[in-house]
PDB file of N, CA and C in Angstrom:
ATOM      1  N   ILE A   1      -3.547  25.037  10.584  1.00  0.00           N
ATOM      2  CA  ILE A   1      -2.555  25.870   9.914  1.00  0.00           C
ATOM      3  C   ILE A   1      -1.798  26.653  10.980  1.00  0.00           C
ATOM      4  N   VAL A   2      -0.492  26.555  10.926  1.00  0.00           N
ATOM      5  CA  VAL A   2       0.361  27.223  11.900  1.00  0.00           C
ATOM      6  C   VAL A   2       1.116  28.356  11.197  1.00  0.00           C
ATOM      7  N   PRO A   3       0.996  29.592  11.706  1.00  0.00           N
ATOM      8  CA  PRO A   3       1.727  30.691  11.073  1.00  0.00           C
ATOM      9  C   PRO A   3       3.206  30.361  10.975  1.00  0.00           C
ATOM     10  N   PRO A   4       3.883  30.678   9.906  1.00  0.00           N
ATOM     11  CA  PRO A   4       3.501  31.584   8.828  1.00  0.00           C
ATOM     12  C   PRO A   4       2.779  30.909   7.664  1.00  0.00           C
ATOM     13  N   GLN A   5       2.334  29.657   7.822  1.00  0.00           N
ATOM     14  CA  GLN A   5       1.577  29.007   6.754  1.00  0.00           C
ATOM     15  C   GLN A   5       0.240  29.714   6.567  1.00  0.00           C
ATOM     16  N   VAL A   6      -0.227  29.769   5.309  1.00  0.00           N
ATOM     17  CA  VAL A   6      -1.552  30.328   5.058  1.00  0.00           C
ATOM     18  C   VAL A   6      -2.468  29.304   4.408  1.00  0.00           C
ATOM     19  N   ALA A   7      -1.901  28.175   3.939  1.00  0.00           N
ATOM     20  CA  ALA A   7      -2.737  27.157   3.294  1.00  0.00           C
ATOM     21  C   ALA A   7      -2.036  25.809   3.322  1.00  0.00           C
ATOM     22  N   ILE A   8      -2.848  24.760   3.257  1.00  0.00           N
ATOM     23  CA  ILE A   8      -2.344  23.396   3.159  1.00  0.00           C
ATOM     24  C   ILE A   8      -3.138  22.706   2.061  1.00  0.00           C
ATOM     25  N   LEU A   9      -2.422  22.118   1.098  1.00  0.00           N
ATOM     26  CA  LEU A   9      -3.048  21.344   0.031  1.00  0.00           C
ATOM     27  C   LEU A   9      -2.825  19.872   0.349  1.00  0.00           C
ATOM     28  N   GLY A  10      -3.925  19.166   0.579  1.00  0.00           N
ATOM     29  CA  GLY A  10      -3.844  17.740   0.883  1.00  0.00           C
ATOM     30  C   GLY A  10      -4.242  16.924  -0.329  1.00  0.00           C
ATOM     31  N   ALA A  11      -3.538  15.814  -0.530  1.00  0.00           N
ATOM     32  CA  ALA A  11      -3.838  14.916  -1.646  1.00  0.00           C
ATOM     33  C   ALA A  11      -4.121  13.531  -1.093  1.00  0.00           C
ATOM     34  N   GLY A  12      -5.178  12.921  -1.595  1.00  0.00           N
ATOM     35  CA  GLY A  12      -5.522  11.569  -1.196  1.00  0.00           C
ATOM     36  C   GLY A  12      -4.791  10.550  -2.050  1.00  0.00           C
ATOM     37  N   ARG A  13      -5.329   9.359  -2.108  1.00  0.00           N
ATOM     38  CA  ARG A  13      -4.717   8.287  -2.877  1.00  0.00           C
ATOM     39  C   ARG A  13      -5.346   8.225  -4.265  1.00  0.00           C
ATOM     40  N   ILE A  14      -4.515   8.053  -5.280  1.00  0.00           N
ATOM     41  CA  ILE A  14      -5.018   7.910  -6.648  1.00  0.00           C
ATOM     42  C   ILE A  14      -5.759   6.589  -6.752  1.00  0.00           C
ATOM     43  N   ASP A  15      -6.958   6.663  -7.358  1.00  0.00           N
ATOM     44  CA  ASP A  15      -7.805   5.482  -7.484  1.00  0.00           C
ATOM     45  C   ASP A  15      -8.495   5.517  -8.839  1.00  0.00           C
ATOM     46  N   ARG A  16      -8.791   4.364  -9.401  1.00  0.00           N
ATOM     47  CA  ARG A  16      -9.535   4.307 -10.664  1.00  0.00           C
ATOM     48  C   ARG A  16     -11.023   4.353 -10.362  1.00  0.00           C
ATOM     49  N   ARG A  17     -11.736   5.261 -11.045  1.00  0.00           N
ATOM     50  CA  ARG A  17     -13.188   5.384 -10.880  1.00  0.00           C
ATOM     51  C   ARG A  17     -13.841   5.519 -12.243  1.00  0.00           C
ATOM     52  N   VAL A  18     -15.062   5.056 -12.336  1.00  0.00           N
ATOM     53  CA  VAL A  18     -15.825   5.196 -13.575  1.00  0.00           C
ATOM     54  C   VAL A  18     -16.494   6.566 -13.559  1.00  0.00           C
ATOM     55  N   VAL A  19     -16.270   7.348 -14.618  1.00  0.00           N
ATOM     56  CA  VAL A  19     -16.842   8.694 -14.720  1.00  0.00           C
ATOM     57  C   VAL A  19     -17.488   8.871 -16.088  1.00  0.00           C
ATOM     58  N   ALA A  20     -18.445   9.781 -16.164  1.00  0.00           N
ATOM     59  CA  ALA A  20     -19.104  10.098 -17.430  1.00  0.00           C
ATOM     60  C   ALA A  20     -18.233  11.082 -18.206  1.00  0.00           C
ATOM     61  N   VAL A  21     -17.945  10.765 -19.465  1.00  0.00           N
ATOM     62  CA  VAL A  21     -17.150  11.649 -20.310  1.00  0.00           C
ATOM     63  C   VAL A  21     -18.049  12.696 -20.943  1.00  0.00           C
ATOM     64  N   ASP A  22     -19.229  12.291 -21.349  1.00  0.00           N
ATOM     65  CA  ASP A  22     -20.190  13.199 -21.974  1.00  0.00           C
ATOM     66  C   ASP A  22     -21.494  13.084 -21.210  1.00  0.00           C
ATOM     67  N   ALA A  23     -21.954  14.206 -20.647  1.00  0.00           N
ATOM     68  CA  ALA A  23     -23.162  14.184 -19.820  1.00  0.00           C
ATOM     69  C   ALA A  23     -24.437  14.029 -20.654  1.00  0.00           C
ATOM     70  N   ALA A  24     -24.350  14.189 -21.967  1.00  0.00           N
ATOM     71  CA  ALA A  24     -25.533  14.064 -22.832  1.00  0.00           C
ATOM     72  C   ALA A  24     -26.017  12.614 -22.835  1.00  0.00           C
ATOM     73  N   PRO A  25     -27.290  12.393 -23.161  1.00  0.00           N
ATOM     74  CA  PRO A  25     -27.804  11.026 -23.245  1.00  0.00           C
ATOM     75  C   PRO A  25     -26.955  10.196 -24.208  1.00  0.00           C
ATOM     76  N   GLY A  26     -26.622   8.981 -23.797  1.00  0.00           N
ATOM     77  CA  GLY A  26     -25.785   8.125 -24.621  1.00  0.00           C
ATOM     78  C   GLY A  26     -24.305   8.417 -24.458  1.00  0.00           C
ATOM     79  N   GLY A  27     -23.949   9.228 -23.462  1.00  0.00           N
ATOM     80  CA  GLY A  27     -22.550   9.572 -23.219  1.00  0.00           C
ATOM     81  C   GLY A  27     -21.761   8.366 -22.756  1.00  0.00           C
ATOM     82  N   ALA A  28     -20.477   8.428 -22.948  1.00  0.00           N
ATOM     83  CA  ALA A  28     -19.606   7.296 -22.622  1.00  0.00           C
ATOM     84  C   ALA A  28     -19.219   7.309 -21.144  1.00  0.00           C
ATOM     85  N   MET A  29     -19.073   6.127 -20.584  1.00  0.00           N
ATOM     86  CA  MET A  29     -18.568   5.944 -19.228  1.00  0.00           C
ATOM     87  C   MET A  29     -17.181   5.309 -19.362  1.00  0.00           C
ATOM     88  N   VAL A  30     -16.178   5.918 -18.750  1.00  0.00           N
ATOM     89  CA  VAL A  30     -14.819   5.401 -18.840  1.00  0.00           C
ATOM     90  C   VAL A  30     -14.173   5.381 -17.453  1.00  0.00           C
ATOM     91  N   ALA A  31     -13.187   4.524 -17.291  1.00  0.00           N
ATOM     92  CA  ALA A  31     -12.423   4.465 -16.046  1.00  0.00           C
ATOM     93  C   ALA A  31     -11.287   5.479 -16.127  1.00  0.00           C
ATOM     94  N   ARG A  32     -11.175   6.309 -15.109  1.00  0.00           N
ATOM     95  CA  ARG A  32     -10.128   7.335 -15.062  1.00  0.00           C
ATOM     96  C   ARG A  32      -9.437   7.284 -13.708  1.00  0.00           C
ATOM     97  N   ARG A  33      -8.170   7.709 -13.700  1.00  0.00           N
ATOM     98  CA  ARG A  33      -7.478   7.855 -12.422  1.00  0.00           C
ATOM     99  C   ARG A  33      -7.948   9.157 -11.783  1.00  0.00           C
ATOM    100  N   MET A  34      -8.358   9.084 -10.514  1.00  0.00           N
ATOM    101  CA  MET A  34      -8.858  10.250  -9.798  1.00  0.00           C
ATOM    102  C   MET A  34      -8.004  10.485  -8.556  1.00  0.00           C
ATOM    103  N   LEU A  35      -7.706  11.746  -8.279  1.00  0.00           N
ATOM    104  CA  LEU A  35      -6.921  12.128  -7.114  1.00  0.00           C
ATOM    105  C   LEU A  35      -7.735  13.118  -6.285  1.00  0.00           C
ATOM    106  N   PRO A  36      -8.213  12.708  -5.114  1.00  0.00           N
ATOM    107  CA  PRO A  36      -8.958  13.655  -4.274  1.00  0.00           C
ATOM    108  C   PRO A  36      -8.017  14.734  -3.714  1.00  0.00           C
ATOM    109  N   LEU A  37      -8.421  15.985  -3.821  1.00  0.00           N
ATOM    110  CA  LEU A  37      -7.643  17.108  -3.296  1.00  0.00           C
ATOM    111  C   LEU A  37      -8.460  17.860  -2.260  1.00  0.00           C
ATOM    112  N   SER A  38      -7.786  18.395  -1.262  1.00  0.00           N
ATOM    113  CA  SER A  38      -8.432  19.183  -0.228  1.00  0.00           C
ATOM    114  C   SER A  38      -7.561  20.408   0.054  1.00  0.00           C
ATOM    115  N   LEU A  39      -8.168  21.580   0.060  1.00  0.00           N
ATOM    116  CA  LEU A  39      -7.428  22.810   0.328  1.00  0.00           C
ATOM    117  C   LEU A  39      -7.999  23.466   1.579  1.00  0.00           C
ATOM    118  N   THR A  40      -7.144  23.663   2.562  1.00  0.00           N
ATOM    119  CA  THR A  40      -7.508  24.374   3.784  1.00  0.00           C
ATOM    120  C   THR A  40      -6.695  25.655   3.807  1.00  0.00           C
ATOM    121  N   PHE A  41      -7.350  26.781   4.116  1.00  0.00           N
ATOM    122  CA  PHE A  41      -6.606  28.040   4.107  1.00  0.00           C
ATOM    123  C   PHE A  41      -7.134  28.988   5.167  1.00  0.00           C
ATOM    124  N   ASP A  42      -6.296  29.934   5.523  1.00  0.00           N
ATOM    125  CA  ASP A  42      -6.627  30.945   6.518  1.00  0.00           C
ATOM    126  C   ASP A  42      -7.385  32.074   5.827  1.00  0.00           C
ATOM    127  N   HIS A  43      -8.641  32.237   6.166  1.00  0.00           N
ATOM    128  CA  HIS A  43      -9.485  33.256   5.526  1.00  0.00           C
ATOM    129  C   HIS A  43      -9.024  34.679   5.831  1.00  0.00           C
ATOM    130  N   ARG A  44      -8.201  34.836   6.834  1.00  0.00           N
ATOM    131  CA  ARG A  44      -7.676  36.169   7.143  1.00  0.00           C
ATOM    132  C   ARG A  44      -6.597  36.581   6.160  1.00  0.00           C
ATOM    133  N   ALA A  45      -5.928  35.598   5.533  1.00  0.00           N
ATOM    134  CA  ALA A  45      -4.816  35.896   4.620  1.00  0.00           C
ATOM    135  C   ALA A  45      -5.172  35.666   3.153  1.00  0.00           C
ATOM    136  N   VAL A  46      -6.139  34.795   2.887  1.00  0.00           N
ATOM    137  CA  VAL A  46      -6.476  34.405   1.518  1.00  0.00           C
ATOM    138  C   VAL A  46      -7.992  34.469   1.349  1.00  0.00           C
ATOM    139  N   THR A  47      -8.443  35.043   0.241  1.00  0.00           N
ATOM    140  CA  THR A  47      -9.881  35.062  -0.033  1.00  0.00           C
ATOM    141  C   THR A  47     -10.300  33.738  -0.671  1.00  0.00           C
ATOM    142  N   GLY A  48     -11.584  33.475  -0.655  1.00  0.00           N
ATOM    143  CA  GLY A  48     -12.091  32.261  -1.292  1.00  0.00           C
ATOM    144  C   GLY A  48     -11.802  32.233  -2.786  1.00  0.00           C
ATOM    145  N   GLY A  49     -11.868  33.388  -3.437  1.00  0.00           N
ATOM    146  CA  GLY A  49     -11.580  33.466  -4.871  1.00  0.00           C
ATOM    147  C   GLY A  49     -10.134  33.122  -5.182  1.00  0.00           C
ATOM    148  N   GLU A  50      -9.216  33.630  -4.380  1.00  0.00           N
ATOM    149  CA  GLU A  50      -7.800  33.316  -4.577  1.00  0.00           C
ATOM    150  C   GLU A  50      -7.535  31.824  -4.370  1.00  0.00           C
ATOM    151  N   ALA A  51      -8.159  31.257  -3.353  1.00  0.00           N
ATOM    152  CA  ALA A  51      -7.984  29.831  -3.082  1.00  0.00           C
ATOM    153  C   ALA A  51      -8.554  28.988  -4.224  1.00  0.00           C
ATOM    154  N   ALA A  52      -9.701  29.387  -4.752  1.00  0.00           N
ATOM    155  CA  ALA A  52     -10.311  28.649  -5.870  1.00  0.00           C
ATOM    156  C   ALA A  52      -9.442  28.731  -7.119  1.00  0.00           C
ATOM    157  N   ARG A  53      -8.865  29.909  -7.393  1.00  0.00           N
ATOM    158  CA  ARG A  53      -7.972  30.049  -8.549  1.00  0.00           C
ATOM    159  C   ARG A  53      -6.712  29.214  -8.378  1.00  0.00           C
ATOM    160  N   PHE A  54      -6.164  29.177  -7.162  1.00  0.00           N
ATOM    161  CA  PHE A  54      -4.989  28.349  -6.906  1.00  0.00           C
ATOM    162  C   PHE A  54      -5.315  26.872  -7.122  1.00  0.00           C
ATOM    163  N   LEU A  55      -6.439  26.416  -6.584  1.00  0.00           N
ATOM    164  CA  LEU A  55      -6.815  25.010  -6.728  1.00  0.00           C
ATOM    165  C   LEU A  55      -7.068  24.664  -8.195  1.00  0.00           C
ATOM    166  N   ALA A  56      -7.709  25.561  -8.949  1.00  0.00           N
ATOM    167  CA  ALA A  56      -7.939  25.327 -10.381  1.00  0.00           C
ATOM    168  C   ALA A  56      -6.610  25.239 -11.139  1.00  0.00           C
ATOM    169  N   ALA A  57      -5.636  26.095 -10.787  1.00  0.00           N
ATOM    170  CA  ALA A  57      -4.325  26.056 -11.441  1.00  0.00           C
ATOM    171  C   ALA A  57      -3.590  24.762 -11.096  1.00  0.00           C
ATOM    172  N   ALA A  58      -3.688  24.315  -9.844  1.00  0.00           N
ATOM    173  CA  ALA A  58      -3.046  23.062  -9.442  1.00  0.00           C
ATOM    174  C   ALA A  58      -3.658  21.885 -10.196  1.00  0.00           C
ATOM    175  N   ILE A  59      -4.983  21.868 -10.333  1.00  0.00           N
ATOM    176  CA  ILE A  59      -5.662  20.808 -11.061  1.00  0.00           C
ATOM    177  C   ILE A  59      -5.244  20.822 -12.528  1.00  0.00           C
ATOM    178  N   ALA A  60      -5.176  22.004 -13.133  1.00  0.00           N
ATOM    179  CA  ALA A  60      -4.775  22.111 -14.546  1.00  0.00           C
ATOM    180  C   ALA A  60      -3.362  21.564 -14.746  1.00  0.00           C
ATOM    181  N   ASP A  61      -2.448  21.890 -13.837  1.00  0.00           N
ATOM    182  CA  ASP A  61      -1.077  21.386 -13.937  1.00  0.00           C
ATOM    183  C   ASP A  61      -1.040  19.863 -13.786  1.00  0.00           C
ATOM    184  N   LEU A  62      -1.822  19.325 -12.859  1.00  0.00           N
ATOM    185  CA  LEU A  62      -1.854  17.876 -12.670  1.00  0.00           C
ATOM    186  C   LEU A  62      -2.447  17.170 -13.894  1.00  0.00           C
ATOM    187  N   GLU A  63      -3.443  17.775 -14.514  1.00  0.00           N
ATOM    188  CA  GLU A  63      -4.059  17.169 -15.707  1.00  0.00           C
ATOM    189  C   GLU A  63      -3.080  17.166 -16.873  1.00  0.00           C
ATOM    190  N   LYS A  64      -2.217  18.170 -16.975  1.00  0.00           N
ATOM    191  CA  LYS A  64      -1.217  18.207 -18.044  1.00  0.00           C
ATOM    192  C   LYS A  64      -0.184  17.111 -17.873  1.00  0.00           C
ATOM    193  N   ALA A  65       0.090  16.727 -16.649  1.00  0.00           N
ATOM    194  CA  ALA A  65       1.110  15.716 -16.362  1.00  0.00           C
ATOM    195  C   ALA A  65       0.667  14.316 -16.758  1.00  0.00           C
ATOM    196  N   ASP A  66      -0.606  14.120 -17.031  1.00  0.00           N
ATOM    197  CA  ASP A  66      -1.135  12.801 -17.355  1.00  0.00           C
ATOM    198  C   ASP A  66      -0.787  12.463 -18.733  1.00  0.00           C
TER     199      ASP A  66
END
């Protein structure tokens, strides 16, 4: 991270993966598109809580776009 940047959000390649929809016994397994995300941030400028809230908001927005 180079100032004045305080964070970098990296996105991997979208891939289809089999995931459990319901963790209970007998739950369904379905193929879903998955996008790996990585967030790097400067701890001097951003707290871990702020970074986690930002990443959760980004994920929520991406899920709405589907």
